[in-house]
Protein backbone atom coordinates (compact mmCIF):
# COMPACT_ATOMS: atom_id res chain seq x y z
CA MET A 1 -138.86 -168.78 -161.37
CA ALA A 2 -135.93 -168.76 -159.00
CA GLN A 3 -134.33 -165.30 -158.37
CA ARG A 4 -131.38 -164.76 -160.59
CA LYS A 5 -128.08 -163.44 -159.02
CA TYR A 6 -126.70 -160.49 -160.65
CA CYS A 7 -123.03 -159.03 -160.05
CA LYS A 8 -121.00 -156.08 -161.25
CA ASN A 9 -120.86 -156.39 -165.09
CA THR A 10 -117.16 -157.56 -165.33
CA VAL A 11 -117.32 -158.59 -168.99
CA PRO A 12 -116.61 -156.35 -171.79
CA GLY A 13 -118.53 -157.31 -174.85
CA ARG A 14 -116.40 -158.93 -177.76
CA GLN A 15 -118.41 -157.63 -180.62
CA GLY A 16 -118.25 -153.93 -180.33
CA ARG A 17 -120.92 -151.50 -180.08
CA GLY A 18 -123.87 -151.83 -182.41
CA LYS A 19 -122.58 -155.30 -183.77
CA LYS A 20 -124.72 -158.40 -183.33
CA TYR A 21 -123.80 -161.67 -181.91
CA PRO A 22 -124.25 -164.71 -184.15
CA ALA A 23 -127.59 -166.57 -183.52
CA ARG A 24 -125.41 -169.61 -182.39
CA VAL A 25 -123.85 -167.78 -179.58
CA ARG A 26 -127.22 -166.15 -178.60
CA ALA A 27 -128.87 -169.65 -178.50
CA GLU A 28 -126.00 -171.07 -176.45
CA VAL A 29 -126.00 -168.31 -173.99
CA VAL A 30 -129.88 -168.79 -173.43
CA MET A 31 -129.52 -172.27 -172.97
CA ALA A 32 -126.84 -171.86 -170.50
CA MET A 33 -128.90 -169.58 -168.57
CA ILE A 34 -131.74 -172.08 -168.56
CA GLY A 35 -129.22 -174.74 -167.01
CA THR A 36 -127.67 -172.28 -164.39
CA ASN A 37 -128.61 -169.45 -162.10
CA SER A 38 -125.49 -167.56 -162.33
CA ILE A 39 -125.64 -164.72 -165.02
CA CYS A 40 -122.06 -163.87 -163.90
CA ALA A 41 -120.74 -167.29 -164.85
CA VAL A 42 -122.60 -167.51 -168.21
CA ALA A 43 -121.24 -164.00 -169.03
CA ARG A 44 -117.48 -164.74 -168.14
CA LYS A 45 -117.94 -168.24 -170.15
CA TYR A 46 -119.17 -166.63 -173.32
CA GLY A 47 -117.76 -163.17 -173.07
CA VAL A 48 -121.20 -161.53 -173.44
CA PRO A 49 -122.18 -158.51 -171.11
CA GLU A 50 -124.72 -159.38 -168.51
CA SER A 51 -127.17 -156.66 -169.70
CA THR A 52 -127.19 -158.36 -173.10
CA ILE A 53 -127.72 -161.89 -171.48
CA ARG A 54 -130.70 -160.47 -169.33
CA SER A 55 -132.36 -158.80 -172.60
CA TRP A 56 -132.01 -162.09 -174.61
CA VAL A 57 -133.51 -164.13 -171.78
CA ALA A 58 -136.52 -161.51 -171.51
CA GLU A 59 -137.06 -161.58 -175.21
CA GLU A 60 -137.24 -165.42 -175.23
CA ALA A 61 -139.53 -165.39 -172.40
CA LYS A 62 -142.14 -163.17 -174.12
CA LYS A 63 -142.37 -165.41 -177.17
CA PRO A 64 -145.70 -167.38 -177.54
CA GLY A 65 -146.07 -170.65 -175.59
CA GLY A 66 -144.90 -169.62 -172.21
CA ARG A 67 -141.56 -171.11 -172.66
CA SER A 68 -138.62 -169.76 -174.58
CA GLN A 69 -137.90 -171.61 -177.83
CA PRO A 70 -134.32 -172.86 -176.35
CA GLU A 71 -136.29 -174.20 -173.32
CA ARG A 72 -138.62 -176.19 -175.65
CA ARG A 73 -135.90 -177.57 -177.74
CA TRP A 74 -134.26 -178.84 -174.55
CA ALA A 75 -137.41 -180.35 -173.21
CA GLN A 76 -137.93 -182.20 -176.37
CA ARG A 77 -134.32 -183.48 -176.43
CA HIS A 78 -134.66 -184.64 -172.76
CA ARG A 79 -137.95 -186.37 -172.89
């Protein structure tokens, strides 16, 4: 896997501390991370802190099957 680029967390969260982002937002962010190598760009686009994105991507990678669920969906759609 390519090395991800990290930058200073310049995006404050929109949800407020302790509130969860909708599942749709999480899925879109993880899919965007699959398509790009810039966590900074994804954080700015969706308004989600970089630390949150990193934890979501790590959680998806730990799921059974080797690929994250969004990666499997993307692969199925682009066969």
